[in-house]
């Protein structure tokens, strides 16, 4: 198939070219990082023509940004936020349920850590992709901020940052092999909630 024969709307095996590229990038980047995966490998593994690849993603960085956006939808929204909402009826219960979601996630065979943390550590905070990762991590904190506000907790920004430390720490501990990391973090998070309950006079 030549580049002229494969258009942006062509679907192969039920999956469009853009989605195929994104799915391939997600699998390769998650396992090996960004720098170790080249454009030629992405093109070959996606089974698309080079022209098709660049029509959808003008650069590798553009693909990485799309990968991060996909990770936000799949991880931040669908796994963490939606999963905690299903498990908790109140804002405080939803906050605690984040670690129940993590406990199940850590036990999965496909657990590979957090895309945003992995990319930030690989690229560094000064790199544009590192900055993009920081932005996505703040979206995670924003969920915590909203639920903390709804729960009536005090010093919401400080709470959200402390809570996020527990989240990130548990992910790294799970990557080290600590199967109880989420449950340990949840125990600490109970104390954090109590520390941020408003003082009644």
N, C-alpha and C. Protein backbone atom coordinates (compact mmCIF):
# COMPACT_ATOMS: atom_id res chain seq x y z
N UNK A 1 0.85 -1.20 0.00
CA UNK A 1 0.00 0.00 0.00
C UNK A 1 0.88 1.24 0.00
N UNK A 2 0.67 2.17 -0.91
CA UNK A 2 1.44 3.39 -0.96
C UNK A 2 0.82 4.43 -0.06
N UNK A 3 1.57 5.51 0.18
CA UNK A 3 1.04 6.56 1.04
C UNK A 3 -0.20 7.19 0.44
N UNK A 4 -0.28 7.22 -0.91
CA UNK A 4 -1.44 7.79 -1.53
C UNK A 4 -2.67 6.94 -1.39
N UNK A 5 -2.48 5.64 -1.17
CA UNK A 5 -3.60 4.72 -1.06
C UNK A 5 -4.20 4.68 0.33
N UNK A 6 -3.41 5.13 1.35
CA UNK A 6 -3.90 5.06 2.73
C UNK A 6 -4.25 6.46 3.19
N UNK A 7 -5.50 6.73 3.36
CA UNK A 7 -5.95 8.06 3.77
C UNK A 7 -6.22 8.07 5.26
N UNK A 8 -6.51 9.27 5.77
CA UNK A 8 -6.77 9.41 7.20
C UNK A 8 -8.03 8.67 7.63
N UNK A 9 -8.89 8.34 6.68
CA UNK A 9 -10.15 7.70 7.05
C UNK A 9 -10.12 6.20 6.82
N UNK A 10 -9.01 5.66 6.29
CA UNK A 10 -8.94 4.23 6.05
C UNK A 10 -8.96 3.47 7.36
N UNK A 11 -9.73 2.39 7.40
CA UNK A 11 -9.81 1.55 8.59
C UNK A 11 -9.32 0.17 8.22
N UNK A 12 -8.35 -0.34 8.99
CA UNK A 12 -7.80 -1.67 8.76
C UNK A 12 -8.09 -2.52 9.98
N UNK A 13 -8.75 -3.66 9.77
CA UNK A 13 -9.09 -4.53 10.89
C UNK A 13 -10.01 -3.86 11.88
N UNK A 14 -10.81 -2.90 11.41
CA UNK A 14 -11.77 -2.25 12.29
C UNK A 14 -11.20 -1.10 13.08
N UNK A 15 -9.91 -0.76 12.90
CA UNK A 15 -9.28 0.30 13.66
C UNK A 15 -8.67 1.31 12.70
N UNK A 16 -9.00 2.61 12.85
CA UNK A 16 -8.45 3.64 11.98
C UNK A 16 -6.97 3.84 12.21
N UNK A 17 -6.31 4.48 11.23
CA UNK A 17 -4.86 4.65 11.28
C UNK A 17 -4.43 5.45 12.50
N UNK A 18 -5.12 6.56 12.81
CA UNK A 18 -4.72 7.38 13.95
C UNK A 18 -4.80 6.59 15.25
N UNK A 19 -5.90 5.87 15.41
CA UNK A 19 -6.08 5.08 16.62
C UNK A 19 -5.03 3.97 16.71
N UNK A 20 -4.69 3.39 15.57
CA UNK A 20 -3.68 2.33 15.54
C UNK A 20 -2.31 2.88 15.98
N UNK A 21 -1.98 4.07 15.49
CA UNK A 21 -0.72 4.70 15.88
C UNK A 21 -0.72 5.00 17.38
N UNK A 22 -1.82 5.55 17.87
CA UNK A 22 -1.91 5.89 19.30
C UNK A 22 -1.82 4.65 20.18
N UNK A 23 -2.53 3.60 19.79
CA UNK A 23 -2.50 2.36 20.58
C UNK A 23 -1.10 1.77 20.60
N UNK A 24 -0.41 1.82 19.46
CA UNK A 24 0.96 1.32 19.38
C UNK A 24 1.88 2.15 20.26
N UNK A 25 1.74 3.47 20.16
CA UNK A 25 2.57 4.36 20.97
C UNK A 25 2.33 4.12 22.45
N UNK A 26 1.07 3.94 22.82
CA UNK A 26 0.74 3.71 24.23
C UNK A 26 1.44 2.46 24.74
N UNK A 27 1.39 1.39 23.96
CA UNK A 27 2.03 0.13 24.37
C UNK A 27 3.55 0.27 24.46
N UNK A 28 4.16 0.88 23.46
CA UNK A 28 5.62 0.99 23.42
C UNK A 28 6.14 1.99 24.45
N UNK A 29 5.52 3.17 24.53
CA UNK A 29 5.97 4.18 25.48
C UNK A 29 5.81 3.70 26.92
N UNK A 30 4.72 3.00 27.20
CA UNK A 30 4.47 2.53 28.57
C UNK A 30 5.52 1.52 29.01
N UNK A 31 5.95 0.68 28.07
CA UNK A 31 6.93 -0.36 28.42
C UNK A 31 8.37 0.13 28.41
N UNK A 32 8.70 1.02 27.46
CA UNK A 32 10.10 1.34 27.23
C UNK A 32 10.48 2.80 27.37
N UNK A 33 9.51 3.66 27.59
CA UNK A 33 9.81 5.07 27.69
C UNK A 33 9.74 5.74 26.32
N UNK A 34 10.04 7.03 26.31
CA UNK A 34 9.90 7.82 25.09
C UNK A 34 11.15 7.76 24.23
N UNK A 35 12.30 7.97 24.83
CA UNK A 35 13.53 8.11 24.05
C UNK A 35 13.94 6.81 23.36
N UNK A 36 13.58 5.68 23.91
CA UNK A 36 14.01 4.40 23.35
C UNK A 36 13.11 3.89 22.22
N UNK A 37 12.08 4.65 21.92
CA UNK A 37 11.16 4.26 20.84
C UNK A 37 11.27 5.29 19.72
N UNK A 38 11.70 4.85 18.55
CA UNK A 38 11.88 5.77 17.44
C UNK A 38 10.66 5.83 16.53
N UNK A 39 10.63 6.87 15.69
CA UNK A 39 9.51 7.06 14.77
C UNK A 39 9.39 5.90 13.79
N UNK A 40 10.52 5.42 13.27
CA UNK A 40 10.47 4.32 12.30
C UNK A 40 9.84 3.07 12.91
N UNK A 41 10.16 2.80 14.18
CA UNK A 41 9.55 1.64 14.85
C UNK A 41 8.06 1.87 15.04
N UNK A 42 7.67 3.07 15.40
CA UNK A 42 6.25 3.38 15.58
C UNK A 42 5.48 3.19 14.27
N UNK A 43 6.08 3.64 13.17
CA UNK A 43 5.43 3.50 11.86
C UNK A 43 5.29 2.03 11.49
N UNK A 44 6.38 1.28 11.65
CA UNK A 44 6.35 -0.14 11.29
C UNK A 44 5.37 -0.92 12.17
N UNK A 45 5.41 -0.67 13.46
CA UNK A 45 4.54 -1.40 14.39
C UNK A 45 3.07 -1.03 14.22
N UNK A 46 2.80 0.19 13.74
CA UNK A 46 1.42 0.62 13.52
C UNK A 46 0.88 0.17 12.17
N UNK A 47 1.78 -0.32 11.30
CA UNK A 47 1.40 -0.75 9.94
C UNK A 47 0.74 0.38 9.16
N UNK A 48 1.37 1.56 9.21
CA UNK A 48 0.90 2.69 8.42
C UNK A 48 2.05 3.21 7.55
N UNK A 49 1.71 3.94 6.52
CA UNK A 49 2.73 4.58 5.70
C UNK A 49 3.29 5.79 6.44
N UNK A 50 4.53 6.16 6.11
CA UNK A 50 5.17 7.30 6.76
C UNK A 50 4.34 8.57 6.58
N UNK A 51 3.81 8.77 5.36
CA UNK A 51 3.01 9.97 5.11
C UNK A 51 1.77 10.00 5.98
N UNK A 52 1.16 8.83 6.20
CA UNK A 52 -0.02 8.76 7.05
C UNK A 52 0.33 9.12 8.49
N UNK A 53 1.45 8.60 8.96
CA UNK A 53 1.90 8.91 10.32
C UNK A 53 2.03 10.42 10.50
N UNK A 54 2.75 11.05 9.58
CA UNK A 54 3.01 12.49 9.74
C UNK A 54 1.78 13.34 9.45
N UNK A 55 0.82 12.79 8.74
CA UNK A 55 -0.43 13.52 8.54
C UNK A 55 -1.20 13.62 9.86
N UNK A 56 -1.14 12.56 10.64
CA UNK A 56 -1.83 12.57 11.94
C UNK A 56 -0.99 13.22 13.03
N UNK A 57 0.32 13.00 12.99
CA UNK A 57 1.22 13.50 14.03
C UNK A 57 2.44 14.12 13.35
N UNK A 58 2.49 15.45 13.24
CA UNK A 58 3.58 16.12 12.52
C UNK A 58 4.97 15.87 13.10
N UNK A 59 5.03 15.44 14.36
CA UNK A 59 6.31 15.17 15.00
C UNK A 59 6.11 14.10 16.07
N UNK A 60 7.22 13.56 16.54
CA UNK A 60 7.13 12.59 17.63
C UNK A 60 6.58 13.25 18.90
N UNK A 61 6.99 14.49 19.16
CA UNK A 61 6.48 15.20 20.32
C UNK A 61 4.97 15.35 20.27
N UNK A 62 4.44 15.59 19.06
CA UNK A 62 2.98 15.70 18.91
C UNK A 62 2.31 14.38 19.28
N UNK A 63 2.93 13.28 18.91
CA UNK A 63 2.39 11.96 19.27
C UNK A 63 2.47 11.75 20.78
N UNK A 64 3.57 12.17 21.39
CA UNK A 64 3.71 12.01 22.84
C UNK A 64 2.63 12.82 23.58
N UNK A 65 2.35 14.02 23.10
CA UNK A 65 1.30 14.83 23.72
C UNK A 65 -0.07 14.14 23.59
N UNK A 66 -0.31 13.52 22.44
CA UNK A 66 -1.56 12.77 22.25
C UNK A 66 -1.60 11.55 23.17
N UNK A 67 -0.45 10.91 23.35
CA UNK A 67 -0.33 9.77 24.27
C UNK A 67 -0.66 10.20 25.70
N UNK A 68 -0.18 11.37 26.10
CA UNK A 68 -0.48 11.88 27.44
C UNK A 68 -1.97 12.19 27.59
N UNK A 69 -2.55 12.78 26.55
CA UNK A 69 -3.99 13.06 26.61
C UNK A 69 -4.80 11.77 26.70
N UNK A 70 -4.36 10.76 25.95
CA UNK A 70 -5.03 9.45 26.01
C UNK A 70 -4.89 8.85 27.41
N UNK A 71 -3.71 9.00 28.00
CA UNK A 71 -3.48 8.48 29.35
C UNK A 71 -4.36 9.19 30.36
N UNK A 72 -4.56 10.50 30.16
CA UNK A 72 -5.44 11.22 31.08
C UNK A 72 -6.86 10.67 31.02
N UNK A 73 -7.32 10.38 29.82
CA UNK A 73 -8.67 9.84 29.70
C UNK A 73 -8.75 8.43 30.29
N UNK A 74 -7.81 7.57 29.91
CA UNK A 74 -7.87 6.17 30.34
C UNK A 74 -7.55 5.99 31.81
N UNK A 75 -6.58 6.77 32.31
CA UNK A 75 -6.11 6.57 33.69
C UNK A 75 -6.78 7.55 34.65
N UNK A 76 -6.57 8.86 34.41
CA UNK A 76 -7.10 9.85 35.35
C UNK A 76 -8.62 9.80 35.43
N UNK A 77 -9.28 9.81 34.26
CA UNK A 77 -10.74 9.91 34.25
C UNK A 77 -11.42 8.56 34.41
N UNK A 78 -11.05 7.59 33.54
CA UNK A 78 -11.78 6.32 33.53
C UNK A 78 -11.42 5.40 34.69
N UNK A 79 -10.13 5.33 35.03
CA UNK A 79 -9.71 4.42 36.11
C UNK A 79 -9.85 5.08 37.48
N UNK A 80 -9.13 6.18 37.69
CA UNK A 80 -9.07 6.76 39.04
C UNK A 80 -10.35 7.48 39.42
N UNK A 81 -10.73 8.51 38.64
CA UNK A 81 -11.90 9.30 39.03
C UNK A 81 -13.19 8.49 38.99
N UNK A 82 -13.45 7.82 37.88
CA UNK A 82 -14.69 7.06 37.76
C UNK A 82 -14.70 5.88 38.74
N UNK A 83 -13.55 5.24 38.92
CA UNK A 83 -13.47 4.11 39.85
C UNK A 83 -13.74 4.52 41.28
N UNK A 84 -13.19 5.66 41.69
CA UNK A 84 -13.42 6.15 43.05
C UNK A 84 -14.87 6.59 43.24
N UNK A 85 -15.46 7.19 42.20
CA UNK A 85 -16.87 7.59 42.29
C UNK A 85 -17.78 6.39 42.49
N UNK A 86 -17.46 5.30 41.82
CA UNK A 86 -18.29 4.09 41.96
C UNK A 86 -18.20 3.51 43.36
N UNK A 87 -17.06 3.69 44.01
CA UNK A 87 -16.84 3.07 45.30
C UNK A 87 -17.22 3.94 46.49
N UNK A 88 -17.33 5.25 46.26
CA UNK A 88 -17.60 6.15 47.38
C UNK A 88 -18.85 6.98 47.18
N UNK A 89 -19.68 7.08 48.22
CA UNK A 89 -20.91 7.87 48.13
C UNK A 89 -20.68 9.32 48.52
N UNK A 90 -19.72 9.56 49.40
CA UNK A 90 -19.43 10.93 49.84
C UNK A 90 -18.06 11.35 49.31
N UNK A 91 -17.78 12.66 49.31
CA UNK A 91 -16.46 13.10 48.85
C UNK A 91 -15.30 12.46 49.62
N UNK A 92 -15.43 12.36 50.93
CA UNK A 92 -14.36 11.74 51.73
C UNK A 92 -14.19 10.27 51.38
N UNK A 93 -15.30 9.58 51.17
CA UNK A 93 -15.22 8.17 50.77
C UNK A 93 -14.57 8.02 49.40
N UNK A 94 -14.84 8.96 48.50
CA UNK A 94 -14.23 8.89 47.17
C UNK A 94 -12.72 9.10 47.26
N UNK A 95 -12.31 10.02 48.12
CA UNK A 95 -10.87 10.24 48.31
C UNK A 95 -10.19 8.94 48.77
N UNK A 96 -10.75 8.32 49.78
CA UNK A 96 -10.18 7.07 50.29
C UNK A 96 -10.26 5.96 49.26
N UNK A 97 -11.32 5.98 48.45
CA UNK A 97 -11.50 4.93 47.44
C UNK A 97 -10.45 4.97 46.33
N UNK A 98 -9.78 6.13 46.18
CA UNK A 98 -8.69 6.20 45.21
C UNK A 98 -7.69 5.08 45.48
N UNK A 99 -7.43 4.81 46.74
CA UNK A 99 -6.44 3.79 47.08
C UNK A 99 -7.00 2.37 46.93
N UNK A 100 -8.32 2.23 46.98
CA UNK A 100 -8.93 0.94 46.64
C UNK A 100 -8.76 0.68 45.14
N UNK A 101 -8.94 1.72 44.35
CA UNK A 101 -8.70 1.60 42.91
C UNK A 101 -7.24 1.24 42.65
N UNK A 102 -6.34 1.92 43.35
CA UNK A 102 -4.91 1.64 43.19
C UNK A 102 -4.58 0.20 43.58
N UNK A 103 -5.20 -0.28 44.65
CA UNK A 103 -4.91 -1.64 45.12
C UNK A 103 -5.21 -2.66 44.03
N UNK A 104 -6.32 -2.48 43.34
CA UNK A 104 -6.67 -3.38 42.23
C UNK A 104 -5.73 -3.17 41.05
N UNK A 105 -5.41 -1.91 40.76
CA UNK A 105 -4.52 -1.58 39.64
C UNK A 105 -3.13 -2.16 39.85
N UNK A 106 -2.61 -2.04 41.06
CA UNK A 106 -1.27 -2.56 41.35
C UNK A 106 -1.18 -4.06 41.16
N UNK A 107 -2.30 -4.76 41.34
CA UNK A 107 -2.31 -6.23 41.24
C UNK A 107 -2.43 -6.72 39.80
N UNK A 108 -2.70 -5.81 38.87
CA UNK A 108 -2.89 -6.23 37.48
C UNK A 108 -1.57 -6.60 36.81
N UNK A 109 -1.65 -7.54 35.89
CA UNK A 109 -0.45 -7.97 35.16
C UNK A 109 0.11 -6.86 34.28
N UNK A 110 -0.75 -5.93 33.86
CA UNK A 110 -0.30 -4.87 32.95
C UNK A 110 0.07 -3.58 33.70
N UNK A 111 0.24 -3.65 35.03
CA UNK A 111 0.65 -2.47 35.79
C UNK A 111 2.05 -2.03 35.37
N UNK A 112 2.16 -0.80 34.89
CA UNK A 112 3.45 -0.27 34.44
C UNK A 112 3.71 1.11 35.01
N UNK A 113 3.04 1.45 36.10
CA UNK A 113 3.23 2.76 36.69
C UNK A 113 2.41 3.82 35.99
N UNK A 114 2.65 5.06 36.36
CA UNK A 114 1.90 6.21 35.85
C UNK A 114 2.64 6.84 34.69
N UNK A 115 1.96 7.02 33.56
CA UNK A 115 2.59 7.59 32.37
C UNK A 115 3.16 8.98 32.65
N UNK A 116 2.47 9.78 33.44
CA UNK A 116 2.90 11.14 33.70
C UNK A 116 4.17 11.17 34.55
N UNK A 117 4.22 10.32 35.57
CA UNK A 117 5.41 10.25 36.42
C UNK A 117 6.58 9.71 35.61
N UNK A 118 6.34 8.63 34.88
CA UNK A 118 7.42 8.02 34.10
C UNK A 118 8.01 9.01 33.10
N UNK A 119 7.15 9.73 32.40
CA UNK A 119 7.64 10.66 31.39
C UNK A 119 8.35 11.85 32.02
N UNK A 120 7.83 12.34 33.13
CA UNK A 120 8.47 13.46 33.82
C UNK A 120 9.87 13.08 34.28
N UNK A 121 10.02 11.89 34.84
CA UNK A 121 11.33 11.45 35.30
C UNK A 121 12.28 11.22 34.13
N UNK A 122 11.74 10.75 33.02
CA UNK A 122 12.58 10.50 31.84
C UNK A 122 13.03 11.80 31.16
N UNK A 123 12.12 12.73 30.99
CA UNK A 123 12.41 13.93 30.20
C UNK A 123 12.89 15.11 31.05
N UNK A 124 12.49 15.14 32.32
CA UNK A 124 12.87 16.25 33.18
C UNK A 124 11.84 17.37 33.16
N UNK A 125 11.81 18.15 34.23
CA UNK A 125 10.80 19.19 34.38
C UNK A 125 11.00 20.36 33.43
N UNK A 126 12.21 20.55 32.91
CA UNK A 126 12.47 21.69 32.02
C UNK A 126 12.08 21.41 30.58
N UNK A 127 11.93 20.13 30.23
CA UNK A 127 11.57 19.76 28.86
C UNK A 127 10.08 20.05 28.63
N UNK A 128 9.69 20.50 27.43
CA UNK A 128 8.26 20.76 27.17
C UNK A 128 7.36 19.56 27.46
N UNK A 129 7.85 18.34 27.18
CA UNK A 129 7.05 17.16 27.48
C UNK A 129 6.97 16.92 28.99
N UNK A 130 8.04 17.26 29.69
CA UNK A 130 8.01 17.20 31.15
C UNK A 130 7.01 18.19 31.71
N UNK A 131 6.97 19.38 31.13
CA UNK A 131 5.99 20.39 31.54
C UNK A 131 4.56 19.91 31.28
N UNK A 132 4.38 19.25 30.13
CA UNK A 132 3.05 18.70 29.83
C UNK A 132 2.65 17.65 30.86
N UNK A 133 3.61 16.83 31.28
CA UNK A 133 3.33 15.81 32.30
C UNK A 133 2.93 16.46 33.62
N UNK A 134 3.61 17.54 33.97
CA UNK A 134 3.28 18.27 35.20
C UNK A 134 1.85 18.77 35.14
N UNK A 135 1.46 19.27 33.97
CA UNK A 135 0.08 19.73 33.80
C UNK A 135 -0.92 18.62 34.00
N UNK A 136 -0.62 17.43 33.48
CA UNK A 136 -1.54 16.30 33.64
C UNK A 136 -1.58 15.84 35.10
N UNK A 137 -0.45 15.91 35.79
CA UNK A 137 -0.43 15.55 37.21
C UNK A 137 -1.28 16.53 38.02
N UNK A 138 -1.29 17.79 37.60
CA UNK A 138 -2.12 18.77 38.31
C UNK A 138 -3.60 18.48 38.09
N UNK A 139 -3.95 17.87 36.96
CA UNK A 139 -5.34 17.45 36.74
C UNK A 139 -5.75 16.39 37.77
N UNK A 140 -4.80 15.53 38.13
CA UNK A 140 -5.07 14.53 39.17
C UNK A 140 -5.30 15.24 40.50
N UNK A 141 -4.42 16.20 40.81
CA UNK A 141 -4.59 16.95 42.06
C UNK A 141 -5.91 17.73 42.06
N UNK A 142 -6.35 18.15 40.89
CA UNK A 142 -7.60 18.91 40.83
C UNK A 142 -8.79 18.07 41.27
N UNK A 143 -8.77 16.78 40.95
CA UNK A 143 -9.82 15.89 41.44
C UNK A 143 -9.81 15.86 42.96
N UNK A 144 -8.61 15.76 43.52
CA UNK A 144 -8.47 15.74 44.98
C UNK A 144 -8.94 17.07 45.57
N UNK A 145 -8.55 18.18 44.94
CA UNK A 145 -8.99 19.50 45.42
C UNK A 145 -10.52 19.59 45.47
N UNK A 146 -11.16 19.15 44.38
CA UNK A 146 -12.62 19.26 44.31
C UNK A 146 -13.29 18.43 45.39
N UNK A 147 -12.82 17.21 45.56
CA UNK A 147 -13.45 16.36 46.57
C UNK A 147 -13.13 16.83 47.98
N UNK A 148 -11.94 17.37 48.19
CA UNK A 148 -11.59 17.92 49.51
C UNK A 148 -12.47 19.12 49.83
N UNK A 149 -12.70 19.97 48.83
CA UNK A 149 -13.58 21.13 49.02
C UNK A 149 -14.99 20.67 49.35
N UNK A 150 -15.48 19.70 48.60
CA UNK A 150 -16.84 19.19 48.83
C UNK A 150 -16.95 18.52 50.20
N UNK A 151 -15.84 17.97 50.69
CA UNK A 151 -15.84 17.32 52.01
C UNK A 151 -15.71 18.33 53.14
N UNK A 152 -15.49 19.61 52.79
CA UNK A 152 -15.39 20.64 53.81
C UNK A 152 -14.05 20.67 54.53
N UNK A 153 -13.01 20.14 53.89
CA UNK A 153 -11.70 20.11 54.52
C UNK A 153 -11.04 21.48 54.45
N UNK A 154 -10.14 21.74 55.39
CA UNK A 154 -9.43 23.01 55.46
C UNK A 154 -8.12 22.93 54.69
N UNK A 155 -7.62 24.11 54.26
CA UNK A 155 -6.32 24.21 53.55
C UNK A 155 -6.26 23.20 52.40
N UNK A 156 -7.19 23.38 51.48
CA UNK A 156 -7.39 22.41 50.40
C UNK A 156 -6.15 22.21 49.54
N UNK A 157 -5.45 23.29 49.20
CA UNK A 157 -4.27 23.15 48.33
C UNK A 157 -3.18 22.34 49.02
N UNK A 158 -2.94 22.62 50.29
CA UNK A 158 -1.95 21.86 51.04
C UNK A 158 -2.38 20.40 51.16
N UNK A 159 -3.67 20.19 51.41
CA UNK A 159 -4.19 18.83 51.50
C UNK A 159 -3.98 18.08 50.19
N UNK A 160 -4.32 18.72 49.06
CA UNK A 160 -4.22 18.06 47.76
C UNK A 160 -2.78 17.68 47.44
N UNK A 161 -1.85 18.55 47.77
CA UNK A 161 -0.44 18.24 47.50
C UNK A 161 0.05 17.10 48.40
N UNK A 162 -0.36 17.10 49.64
CA UNK A 162 0.03 16.01 50.55
C UNK A 162 -0.59 14.69 50.10
N UNK A 163 -1.86 14.76 49.70
CA UNK A 163 -2.57 13.56 49.22
C UNK A 163 -1.89 13.00 47.97
N UNK A 164 -1.49 13.92 47.10
CA UNK A 164 -0.83 13.50 45.86
C UNK A 164 0.51 12.84 46.14
N UNK A 165 1.20 13.29 47.17
CA UNK A 165 2.45 12.64 47.57
C UNK A 165 2.18 11.18 47.95
N UNK A 166 1.08 10.94 48.66
CA UNK A 166 0.71 9.57 49.02
C UNK A 166 0.39 8.75 47.77
N UNK A 167 -0.30 9.37 46.82
CA UNK A 167 -0.62 8.66 45.58
C UNK A 167 0.64 8.29 44.81
N UNK A 168 1.50 9.28 44.58
CA UNK A 168 2.73 9.05 43.82
C UNK A 168 3.64 8.06 44.55
N UNK A 169 3.77 8.24 45.84
CA UNK A 169 4.61 7.33 46.62
C UNK A 169 4.13 5.90 46.55
N UNK A 170 2.83 5.70 46.59
CA UNK A 170 2.30 4.33 46.54
C UNK A 170 2.55 3.71 45.16
N UNK A 171 2.45 4.53 44.10
CA UNK A 171 2.71 4.02 42.75
C UNK A 171 4.16 3.56 42.63
N UNK A 172 5.08 4.37 43.13
CA UNK A 172 6.50 4.01 43.05
C UNK A 172 6.79 2.78 43.92
N UNK A 173 6.19 2.72 45.10
CA UNK A 173 6.39 1.55 45.96
C UNK A 173 5.85 0.28 45.31
N UNK A 174 4.70 0.41 44.63
CA UNK A 174 4.13 -0.75 43.93
C UNK A 174 5.06 -1.19 42.80
N UNK A 175 5.69 -0.23 42.12
CA UNK A 175 6.64 -0.56 41.06
C UNK A 175 7.85 -1.29 41.62
N UNK A 176 8.17 -1.00 42.88
CA UNK A 176 9.27 -1.71 43.55
C UNK A 176 8.88 -3.12 43.96
N UNK A 177 7.58 -3.39 43.97
CA UNK A 177 7.11 -4.72 44.34
C UNK A 177 6.33 -4.79 45.64
N UNK A 178 6.04 -3.63 46.24
CA UNK A 178 5.26 -3.61 47.48
C UNK A 178 3.78 -3.80 47.15
N UNK A 179 3.27 -5.01 47.33
CA UNK A 179 1.89 -5.31 46.96
C UNK A 179 0.88 -4.65 47.89
N UNK A 180 1.34 -4.19 49.04
CA UNK A 180 0.43 -3.55 50.01
C UNK A 180 0.55 -2.03 49.98
N UNK A 181 1.19 -1.48 48.96
CA UNK A 181 1.47 -0.05 48.93
C UNK A 181 0.20 0.80 49.02
N UNK A 182 -0.84 0.43 48.30
CA UNK A 182 -2.07 1.22 48.31
C UNK A 182 -2.73 1.18 49.68
N UNK A 183 -2.72 0.02 50.32
CA UNK A 183 -3.34 -0.09 51.63
C UNK A 183 -2.55 0.70 52.68
N UNK A 184 -1.24 0.71 52.57
CA UNK A 184 -0.42 1.51 53.49
C UNK A 184 -0.74 3.00 53.30
N UNK A 185 -0.82 3.43 52.04
CA UNK A 185 -1.12 4.84 51.75
C UNK A 185 -2.50 5.21 52.26
N UNK A 186 -3.45 4.30 52.14
CA UNK A 186 -4.80 4.59 52.60
C UNK A 186 -4.84 4.80 54.11
N UNK A 187 -4.07 4.03 54.85
CA UNK A 187 -4.01 4.22 56.30
C UNK A 187 -3.47 5.59 56.66
N UNK A 188 -2.44 6.02 55.95
CA UNK A 188 -1.88 7.35 56.18
C UNK A 188 -2.87 8.44 55.76
N UNK A 189 -3.62 8.17 54.71
CA UNK A 189 -4.56 9.18 54.21
C UNK A 189 -5.69 9.45 55.20
N UNK A 190 -6.06 8.45 55.98
CA UNK A 190 -7.08 8.66 57.02
C UNK A 190 -6.63 9.74 58.01
N UNK A 191 -5.36 9.67 58.39
CA UNK A 191 -4.81 10.67 59.31
C UNK A 191 -4.78 12.04 58.67
N UNK A 192 -4.47 12.08 57.38
CA UNK A 192 -4.40 13.36 56.67
C UNK A 192 -5.78 14.03 56.62
N UNK A 193 -6.81 13.24 56.39
CA UNK A 193 -8.17 13.80 56.40
C UNK A 193 -8.49 14.39 57.77
N UNK A 194 -8.16 13.66 58.81
CA UNK A 194 -8.45 14.16 60.17
C UNK A 194 -7.69 15.45 60.46
N UNK A 195 -6.45 15.54 59.99
CA UNK A 195 -5.65 16.74 60.21
C UNK A 195 -6.25 17.96 59.52
N UNK A 196 -7.00 17.74 58.44
CA UNK A 196 -7.54 18.86 57.66
C UNK A 196 -9.02 19.09 57.91
N UNK A 197 -9.58 18.41 58.86
CA UNK A 197 -10.95 18.73 59.21
C UNK A 197 -10.96 20.08 59.94
N UNK A 198 -11.91 20.94 59.63
CA UNK A 198 -11.92 22.28 60.28
C UNK A 198 -12.10 22.17 61.78
N UNK A 199 -11.41 23.05 62.48
CA UNK A 199 -11.52 23.06 63.93
C UNK A 199 -12.86 23.67 64.32
N UNK A 200 -13.60 22.94 65.14
CA UNK A 200 -14.91 23.42 65.58
C UNK A 200 -14.73 24.21 66.88
N UNK A 201 -15.33 25.39 66.89
CA UNK A 201 -15.20 26.24 68.10
C UNK A 201 -16.50 26.28 68.86
